[in-house]
Amino acid sequence: MASSQTSPLDELPVKGGFRLRGMDMTRTETFTDAAFAFALTLLVVSIDSIPASYDELLAAVQGIPAFGLACALLFLFWYGHWNWSRRYGLEDFPSIVLSFVLVFVVLCYVYPMRYITSIFVGWISGDRIDAEAHQSLSLDELYGVFTVYSIGFVALCGIVLLLYLRAWTRRDDLELDAKERHVTRTEIGTWAILGGVGCIAILMGLFAPPRLYTVPGWAYMLLPVLMPAWGFYRDRQLRRLQ
């Protein structure tokens, strides 16, 4: 009578068909979460002082959409690292170094991110550009702001991409099954697309002629097209795999 052998990995909790190898929080994940929480605190501090009058209160309320957008961007990278930690549970030296670099870039990225979200919200709402700067930006300055922002964006995407590539190099040690390998490759492609669009924005900021229709921020309009297309393509591949 043949006995069926089960792997200890089969007893792990599953999310989206992926066995979660990192349910126990590591020191690296704890440190990273604390750093993201501190970055969120810096966003709050950057709003300025507590309102002392009705007009100041209205100005603070008008800054909520920009603050929310900045928080959403922070959440994008925090969730990317959290997902990676839960799925693979890696705490080897390369993973620790990459997580530390992620924290460093996030803390450097906070103020450019807050600045660019203020500009964006001011533009779509029709208000004057960036109330925190107390003046309108010239086109050349706007190019510079987007370039600095895009450098930070590409750096963060690149670090998360390297974390997933690290997990891919350890796929045999982690005993990733076919679906888990598919998901890992999908994540690698996702972060590569995000970083690639950021690189386009950097190139536009450095080399495009200063025109309103070539402002580097327009490059990010590719994401609502590229990301769903990539997800649709990978879902089709997954259905064929299954």
C-alpha atoms as a PDB file:
ATOM      1  CA  MET A   1       0.000   0.000   0.000  1.00  0.00           C
ATOM      2  CA  ALA A   2       1.568   3.266  -1.144  1.00  0.00           C
ATOM      3  CA  SER A   3       1.732   6.070   1.418  1.00  0.00           C
ATOM      4  CA  SER A   4       1.161   9.619   0.261  1.00  0.00           C
ATOM      5  CA  GLN A   5       3.856  12.075   1.236  1.00  0.00           C
ATOM      6  CA  THR A   6       2.885  15.636   2.113  1.00  0.00           C
ATOM      7  CA  SER A   7       5.151  18.636   2.284  1.00  0.00           C
ATOM      8  CA  PRO A   8       5.190  20.920   5.353  1.00  0.00           C
ATOM      9  CA  LEU A   9       4.510  23.747   2.900  1.00  0.00           C
ATOM     10  CA  ASP A  10       1.052  22.303   2.245  1.00  0.00           C
ATOM     11  CA  GLU A  11       0.072  23.209   5.802  1.00  0.00           C
ATOM     12  CA  LEU A  12       0.810  26.912   5.271  1.00  0.00           C
ATOM     13  CA  PRO A  13      -2.002  29.449   4.848  1.00  0.00           C
ATOM     14  CA  VAL A  14      -2.783  30.254   1.219  1.00  0.00           C
ATOM     15  CA  LYS A  15      -3.630  33.601  -0.365  1.00  0.00           C
ATOM     16  CA  GLY A  16      -4.519  33.738  -4.038  1.00  0.00           C
ATOM     17  CA  GLY A  17      -3.136  30.253  -4.575  1.00  0.00           C
ATOM     18  CA  PHE A  18       0.224  31.271  -3.067  1.00  0.00           C
ATOM     19  CA  ARG A  19       1.478  29.508   0.070  1.00  0.00           C
ATOM     20  CA  LEU A  20       2.533  32.165   2.566  1.00  0.00           C
ATOM     21  CA  ARG A  21       5.980  31.273   3.876  1.00  0.00           C
ATOM     22  CA  GLY A  22       6.445  34.451   5.903  1.00  0.00           C
ATOM     23  CA  MET A  23       3.491  34.636   8.271  1.00  0.00           C
ATOM     24  CA  ASP A  24       5.804  35.247  11.238  1.00  0.00           C
ATOM     25  CA  MET A  25       7.043  38.834  11.159  1.00  0.00           C
ATOM     26  CA  THR A  26      10.814  39.091  10.856  1.00  0.00           C
ATOM     27  CA  ARG A  27      12.989  41.850  12.275  1.00  0.00           C
ATOM     28  CA  THR A  28      13.474  43.143   8.730  1.00  0.00           C
ATOM     29  CA  GLU A  29       9.722  43.449   8.137  1.00  0.00           C
ATOM     30  CA  THR A  30       9.210  45.092  11.533  1.00  0.00           C
ATOM     31  CA  PHE A  31      11.925  47.641  10.776  1.00  0.00           C
ATOM     32  CA  THR A  32      10.482  48.324   7.322  1.00  0.00           C
ATOM     33  CA  ASP A  33       6.949  48.799   8.668  1.00  0.00           C
ATOM     34  CA  ALA A  34       8.227  51.229  11.300  1.00  0.00           C
ATOM     35  CA  ALA A  35      10.074  53.214   8.632  1.00  0.00           C
ATOM     36  CA  PHE A  36       6.963  53.462   6.448  1.00  0.00           C
ATOM     37  CA  ALA A  37       4.984  54.625   9.487  1.00  0.00           C
ATOM     38  CA  PHE A  38       7.618  57.290  10.116  1.00  0.00           C
ATOM     39  CA  ALA A  39       7.418  58.361   6.456  1.00  0.00           C
ATOM     40  CA  LEU A  40       3.660  58.739   6.886  1.00  0.00           C
ATOM     41  CA  THR A  41       4.339  60.914   9.926  1.00  0.00           C
ATOM     42  CA  LEU A  42       6.628  63.099   7.822  1.00  0.00           C
ATOM     43  CA  LEU A  43       3.784  63.549   5.347  1.00  0.00           C
ATOM     44  CA  VAL A  44       1.544  64.768   8.167  1.00  0.00           C
ATOM     45  CA  VAL A  45       4.226  67.129   9.464  1.00  0.00           C
ATOM     46  CA  SER A  46       4.743  68.552   5.964  1.00  0.00           C
ATOM     47  CA  ILE A  47       1.138  69.805   5.966  1.00  0.00           C
ATOM     48  CA  ASP A  48       2.350  72.546   8.331  1.00  0.00           C
ATOM     49  CA  SER A  49       1.118  73.711  11.729  1.00  0.00           C
ATOM     50  CA  ILE A  50      -2.261  73.178  13.384  1.00  0.00           C
ATOM     51  CA  PRO A  51      -4.872  75.592  11.918  1.00  0.00           C
ATOM     52  CA  ALA A  52      -5.387  78.646  14.102  1.00  0.00           C
ATOM     53  CA  SER A  53      -8.252  80.216  12.161  1.00  0.00           C
ATOM     54  CA  TYR A  54     -11.163  79.289   9.934  1.00  0.00           C
ATOM     55  CA  ASP A  55      -9.233  80.229   6.779  1.00  0.00           C
ATOM     56  CA  GLU A  56      -6.270  78.105   7.837  1.00  0.00           C
ATOM     57  CA  LEU A  57      -8.661  75.220   8.543  1.00  0.00           C
ATOM     58  CA  LEU A  58     -10.112  75.499   5.032  1.00  0.00           C
ATOM     59  CA  ALA A  59      -6.604  75.562   3.568  1.00  0.00           C
ATOM     60  CA  ALA A  60      -5.729  72.430   5.558  1.00  0.00           C
ATOM     61  CA  VAL A  61      -8.880  70.655   4.362  1.00  0.00           C
ATOM     62  CA  GLN A  62      -8.013  71.551   0.758  1.00  0.00           C
ATOM     63  CA  GLY A  63      -4.683  69.760   1.281  1.00  0.00           C
ATOM     64  CA  ILE A  64      -6.369  66.461   2.205  1.00  0.00           C
ATOM     65  CA  PRO A  65      -6.627  65.141  -1.409  1.00  0.00           C
ATOM     66  CA  ALA A  66      -2.898  65.678  -1.986  1.00  0.00           C
ATOM     67  CA  PHE A  67      -2.139  64.024   1.350  1.00  0.00           C
ATOM     68  CA  GLY A  68      -4.376  61.090   0.440  1.00  0.00           C
ATOM     69  CA  LEU A  69      -2.687  60.658  -2.932  1.00  0.00           C
ATOM     70  CA  ALA A  70       0.745  60.710  -1.292  1.00  0.00           C
ATOM     71  CA  CYS A  71      -0.440  58.095   1.219  1.00  0.00           C
ATOM     72  CA  ALA A  72      -1.680  55.926  -1.663  1.00  0.00           C
ATOM     73  CA  LEU A  73       1.758  56.055  -3.290  1.00  0.00           C
ATOM     74  CA  LEU A  74       3.395  55.081   0.000  1.00  0.00           C
ATOM     75  CA  PHE A  75       0.897  52.243   0.348  1.00  0.00           C
ATOM     76  CA  LEU A  76       1.826  50.960  -3.134  1.00  0.00           C
ATOM     77  CA  PHE A  77       5.426  50.326  -2.075  1.00  0.00           C
ATOM     78  CA  TRP A  78       4.596  49.195   1.448  1.00  0.00           C
ATOM     79  CA  TYR A  79       2.132  46.652   0.074  1.00  0.00           C
ATOM     80  CA  GLY A  80       4.684  45.476  -2.474  1.00  0.00           C
ATOM     81  CA  HIS A  81       7.178  44.755   0.298  1.00  0.00           C
ATOM     82  CA  TRP A  82       4.512  43.259   2.581  1.00  0.00           C
ATOM     83  CA  ASN A  83       3.325  40.905  -0.162  1.00  0.00           C
ATOM     84  CA  TRP A  84       6.892  39.857  -0.873  1.00  0.00           C
ATOM     85  CA  SER A  85       7.562  39.213   2.820  1.00  0.00           C
ATOM     86  CA  ARG A  86       4.421  37.141   3.291  1.00  0.00           C
ATOM     87  CA  ARG A  87       4.943  35.042   0.176  1.00  0.00           C
ATOM     88  CA  TYR A  88       8.606  34.162   0.545  1.00  0.00           C
ATOM     89  CA  GLY A  89       9.636  34.861   4.154  1.00  0.00           C
ATOM     90  CA  LEU A  90      13.215  35.586   3.094  1.00  0.00           C
ATOM     91  CA  GLU A  91      15.635  37.169   5.547  1.00  0.00           C
ATOM     92  CA  ASP A  92      18.993  36.457   3.977  1.00  0.00           C
ATOM     93  CA  PHE A  93      21.669  39.129   3.624  1.00  0.00           C
ATOM     94  CA  PRO A  94      20.710  40.396   0.128  1.00  0.00           C
ATOM     95  CA  SER A  95      17.064  40.694   1.195  1.00  0.00           C
ATOM     96  CA  ILE A  96      18.014  42.610   4.342  1.00  0.00           C
ATOM     97  CA  VAL A  97      20.226  45.016   2.378  1.00  0.00           C
ATOM     98  CA  LEU A  98      17.522  45.631  -0.243  1.00  0.00           C
ATOM     99  CA  SER A  99      14.909  46.241   2.472  1.00  0.00           C
ATOM    100  CA  PHE A 100      17.230  48.728   4.174  1.00  0.00           C
ATOM    101  CA  VAL A 101      17.836  50.558   0.885  1.00  0.00           C
ATOM    102  CA  LEU A 102      14.066  50.626   0.331  1.00  0.00           C
ATOM    103  CA  VAL A 103      13.623  52.349   3.689  1.00  0.00           C
ATOM    104  CA  PHE A 104      16.374  54.865   2.877  1.00  0.00           C
ATOM    105  CA  VAL A 105      14.846  55.792  -0.481  1.00  0.00           C
ATOM    106  CA  VAL A 106      11.328  56.034   0.971  1.00  0.00           C
ATOM    107  CA  LEU A 107      12.469  58.539   3.588  1.00  0.00           C
ATOM    108  CA  CYS A 108      14.277  60.576   0.916  1.00  0.00           C
ATOM    109  CA  TYR A 109      11.260  60.298  -1.394  1.00  0.00           C
ATOM    110  CA  VAL A 110       8.626  61.631   1.013  1.00  0.00           C
ATOM    111  CA  TYR A 111       8.958  65.356   0.352  1.00  0.00           C
ATOM    112  CA  PRO A 112       9.282  65.177  -3.469  1.00  0.00           C
ATOM    113  CA  MET A 113       6.248  62.903  -3.444  1.00  0.00           C
ATOM    114  CA  ARG A 114       4.235  65.309  -1.260  1.00  0.00           C
ATOM    115  CA  TYR A 115       5.290  68.211  -3.458  1.00  0.00           C
ATOM    116  CA  ILE A 116       4.292  66.540  -6.726  1.00  0.00           C
ATOM    117  CA  THR A 117       0.927  65.376  -5.376  1.00  0.00           C
ATOM    118  CA  SER A 118       0.181  68.952  -4.300  1.00  0.00           C
ATOM    119  CA  ILE A 119       0.959  70.161  -7.823  1.00  0.00           C
ATOM    120  CA  PHE A 120      -1.195  67.454  -9.384  1.00  0.00           C
ATOM    121  CA  VAL A 121      -4.203  68.059  -7.142  1.00  0.00           C
ATOM    122  CA  GLY A 122      -3.871  71.825  -7.640  1.00  0.00           C
ATOM    123  CA  TRP A 123      -3.835  71.308 -11.404  1.00  0.00           C
ATOM    124  CA  ILE A 124      -6.899  69.053 -11.617  1.00  0.00           C
ATOM    125  CA  SER A 125      -8.852  71.205  -9.138  1.00  0.00           C
ATOM    126  CA  GLY A 126      -8.014  74.449 -10.938  1.00  0.00           C
ATOM    127  CA  ASP A 127      -6.387  76.030  -7.878  1.00  0.00           C
ATOM    128  CA  ARG A 128      -3.053  77.783  -8.018  1.00  0.00           C
ATOM    129  CA  ILE A 129      -0.118  75.428  -8.264  1.00  0.00           C
ATOM    130  CA  ASP A 130       1.206  74.077  -4.988  1.00  0.00           C
ATOM    131  CA  ALA A 131       0.007  76.193  -2.107  1.00  0.00           C
ATOM    132  CA  GLU A 132       2.992  75.077  -0.034  1.00  0.00           C
ATOM    133  CA  ALA A 133       5.432  76.775  -2.423  1.00  0.00           C
ATOM    134  CA  HIS A 134       3.472  80.082  -2.263  1.00  0.00           C
ATOM    135  CA  GLN A 135       4.227  80.699  -5.911  1.00  0.00           C
ATOM    136  CA  SER A 136       3.588  79.254  -9.352  1.00  0.00           C
ATOM    137  CA  LEU A 137       6.247  77.084 -10.955  1.00  0.00           C
ATOM    138  CA  SER A 138       7.860  77.869 -14.266  1.00  0.00           C
ATOM    139  CA  LEU A 139       7.822  75.177 -16.938  1.00  0.00           C
ATOM    140  CA  ASP A 140      11.534  74.457 -16.437  1.00  0.00           C
ATOM    141  CA  GLU A 141      11.006  74.094 -12.684  1.00  0.00           C
ATOM    142  CA  LEU A 142       8.061  71.787 -13.295  1.00  0.00           C
ATOM    143  CA  TYR A 143      10.285  69.582 -15.457  1.00  0.00           C
ATOM    144  CA  GLY A 144      12.865  69.494 -12.679  1.00  0.00           C
ATOM    145  CA  VAL A 145      10.296  68.574 -10.029  1.00  0.00           C
ATOM    146  CA  PHE A 146       8.942  65.701 -12.119  1.00  0.00           C
ATOM    147  CA  THR A 147      12.440  64.468 -12.860  1.00  0.00           C
ATOM    148  CA  VAL A 148      13.385  64.364  -9.166  1.00  0.00           C
ATOM    149  CA  TYR A 149      10.096  62.638  -8.334  1.00  0.00           C
ATOM    150  CA  SER A 150      10.561  60.095 -11.140  1.00  0.00           C
ATOM    151  CA  ILE A 151      14.085  59.231  -9.997  1.00  0.00           C
ATOM    152  CA  GLY A 152      12.705  58.319  -6.570  1.00  0.00           C
ATOM    153  CA  PHE A 153       9.808  56.412  -8.122  1.00  0.00           C
ATOM    154  CA  VAL A 154      12.130  54.373 -10.355  1.00  0.00           C
ATOM    155  CA  ALA A 155      14.477  53.670  -7.434  1.00  0.00           C
ATOM    156  CA  LEU A 156      11.646  52.291  -5.288  1.00  0.00           C
ATOM    157  CA  CYS A 157      10.243  50.187  -8.132  1.00  0.00           C
ATOM    158  CA  GLY A 158      13.732  48.884  -8.860  1.00  0.00           C
ATOM    159  CA  ILE A 159      14.287  47.813  -5.254  1.00  0.00           C
ATOM    160  CA  VAL A 160      10.997  45.914  -5.046  1.00  0.00           C
ATOM    161  CA  LEU A 161      11.821  44.375  -8.437  1.00  0.00           C
ATOM    162  CA  LEU A 162      15.190  43.211  -7.094  1.00  0.00           C
ATOM    163  CA  LEU A 163      13.468  41.670  -4.062  1.00  0.00           C
ATOM    164  CA  TYR A 164      11.244  39.607  -6.352  1.00  0.00           C
ATOM    165  CA  LEU A 165      14.228  38.682  -8.501  1.00  0.00           C
ATOM    166  CA  ARG A 166      15.966  37.521  -5.334  1.00  0.00           C
ATOM    167  CA  ALA A 167      12.984  35.311  -4.546  1.00  0.00           C
ATOM    168  CA  TRP A 168      13.093  33.986  -8.122  1.00  0.00           C
ATOM    169  CA  THR A 169      16.734  32.962  -7.759  1.00  0.00           C
ATOM    170  CA  ARG A 170      15.703  31.040  -4.609  1.00  0.00           C
ATOM    171  CA  ARG A 171      12.673  29.403  -6.268  1.00  0.00           C
ATOM    172  CA  ASP A 172      14.045  25.881  -5.866  1.00  0.00           C
ATOM    173  CA  ASP A 173      14.986  26.410  -2.212  1.00  0.00           C
ATOM    174  CA  LEU A 174      11.525  27.874  -1.572  1.00  0.00           C
ATOM    175  CA  GLU A 175       9.900  24.966  -3.433  1.00  0.00           C
ATOM    176  CA  LEU A 176       7.715  27.245  -5.523  1.00  0.00           C
ATOM    177  CA  ASP A 177       5.122  25.320  -7.485  1.00  0.00           C
ATOM    178  CA  ALA A 178       4.063  26.173 -11.046  1.00  0.00           C
ATOM    179  CA  LYS A 179       1.425  28.730 -10.029  1.00  0.00           C
ATOM    180  CA  GLU A 180       3.723  30.389  -7.499  1.00  0.00           C
ATOM    181  CA  ARG A 181       6.421  30.702 -10.151  1.00  0.00           C
ATOM    182  CA  HIS A 182       3.864  32.242 -12.491  1.00  0.00           C
ATOM    183  CA  VAL A 183       2.821  34.770  -9.836  1.00  0.00           C
ATOM    184  CA  THR A 184       6.463  35.609  -9.126  1.00  0.00           C
ATOM    185  CA  ARG A 185       7.171  36.270 -12.796  1.00  0.00           C
ATOM    186  CA  THR A 186       4.010  38.378 -12.975  1.00  0.00           C
ATOM    187  CA  GLU A 187       5.210  40.523 -10.066  1.00  0.00           C
ATOM    188  CA  ILE A 188       8.613  40.911 -11.703  1.00  0.00           C
ATOM    189  CA  GLY A 189       6.917  42.131 -14.875  1.00  0.00           C
ATOM    190  CA  THR A 190       4.605  44.452 -12.938  1.00  0.00           C
ATOM    191  CA  TRP A 191       7.399  46.270 -11.148  1.00  0.00           C
ATOM    192  CA  ALA A 192       9.466  46.368 -14.335  1.00  0.00           C
ATOM    193  CA  ILE A 193       6.599  48.118 -16.139  1.00  0.00           C
ATOM    194  CA  LEU A 194       6.164  50.617 -13.300  1.00  0.00           C
ATOM    195  CA  GLY A 195       9.884  51.364 -13.263  1.00  0.00           C
ATOM    196  CA  GLY A 196      10.023  51.525 -17.065  1.00  0.00           C
ATOM    197  CA  VAL A 197       7.313  54.198 -17.184  1.00  0.00           C
ATOM    198  CA  GLY A 198       9.233  56.136 -14.539  1.00  0.00           C
ATOM    199  CA  CYS A 199      12.348  55.912 -16.739  1.00  0.00           C
ATOM    200  CA  ILE A 200      10.362  57.365 -19.660  1.00  0.00           C
ATOM    201  CA  ALA A 201       9.365  60.265 -17.400  1.00  0.00           C
ATOM    202  CA  ILE A 202      13.024  60.832 -16.450  1.00  0.00           C
ATOM    203  CA  LEU A 203      14.074  60.886 -20.110  1.00  0.00           C
ATOM    204  CA  MET A 204      11.282  63.333 -20.916  1.00  0.00           C
ATOM    205  CA  GLY A 205      12.385  65.559 -18.052  1.00  0.00           C
ATOM    206  CA  LEU A 206      15.992  65.561 -19.229  1.00  0.00           C
ATOM    207  CA  PHE A 207      15.656  65.709 -22.992  1.00  0.00           C
ATOM    208  CA  ALA A 208      12.125  66.697 -24.062  1.00  0.00           C
ATOM    209  CA  PRO A 209      11.597  70.301 -25.223  1.00  0.00           C
ATOM    210  CA  PRO A 210       9.878  72.410 -22.541  1.00  0.00           C
ATOM    211  CA  ARG A 211       6.286  72.263 -23.722  1.00  0.00           C
ATOM    212  CA  LEU A 212       3.100  71.624 -21.809  1.00  0.00           C
ATOM    213  CA  TYR A 213       2.353  68.526 -23.877  1.00  0.00           C
ATOM    214  CA  THR A 214       5.779  67.004 -23.098  1.00  0.00           C
ATOM    215  CA  VAL A 215       5.705  67.493 -19.309  1.00  0.00           C
ATOM    216  CA  PRO A 216       7.156  64.262 -17.798  1.00  0.00           C
ATOM    217  CA  GLY A 217       4.012  63.669 -15.789  1.00  0.00           C
ATOM    218  CA  TRP A 218       2.185  62.647 -18.947  1.00  0.00           C
ATOM    219  CA  ALA A 219       4.297  59.473 -19.079  1.00  0.00           C
ATOM    220  CA  TYR A 220       2.398  58.105 -16.064  1.00  0.00           C
ATOM    221  CA  MET A 221      -0.797  58.185 -18.116  1.00  0.00           C
ATOM    222  CA  LEU A 222       0.557  55.019 -19.746  1.00  0.00           C
ATOM    223  CA  LEU A 223      -0.010  53.060 -16.552  1.00  0.00           C
ATOM    224  CA  PRO A 224      -3.842  52.872 -16.769  1.00  0.00           C
ATOM    225  CA  VAL A 225      -3.313  51.189 -20.145  1.00  0.00           C
ATOM    226  CA  LEU A 226      -0.224  49.050 -19.566  1.00  0.00           C
ATOM    227  CA  MET A 227      -1.088  47.632 -16.156  1.00  0.00           C
ATOM    228  CA  PRO A 228      -4.543  46.215 -17.033  1.00  0.00           C
ATOM    229  CA  ALA A 229      -3.131  44.869 -20.312  1.00  0.00           C
ATOM    230  CA  TRP A 230      -0.309  43.097 -18.452  1.00  0.00           C
ATOM    231  CA  GLY A 231      -2.744  41.698 -15.897  1.00  0.00           C
ATOM    232  CA  PHE A 232      -5.075  40.429 -18.618  1.00  0.00           C
ATOM    233  CA  TYR A 233      -2.190  38.776 -20.468  1.00  0.00           C
ATOM    234  CA  ARG A 234      -0.841  37.071 -17.347  1.00  0.00           C
ATOM    235  CA  ASP A 235      -4.321  35.889 -16.327  1.00  0.00           C
ATOM    236  CA  ARG A 236      -4.689  34.229 -19.708  1.00  0.00           C
ATOM    237  CA  GLN A 237      -1.332  32.561 -19.254  1.00  0.00           C
ATOM    238  CA  LEU A 238      -2.391  31.343 -15.803  1.00  0.00           C
ATOM    239  CA  ARG A 239      -5.608  29.827 -17.157  1.00  0.00           C
ATOM    240  CA  ARG A 240      -3.593  27.960 -19.773  1.00  0.00           C
ATOM    241  CA  LEU A 241      -1.207  26.779 -17.072  1.00  0.00           C
ATOM    242  CA  GLN A 242      -4.069  25.452 -14.972  1.00  0.00           C
END
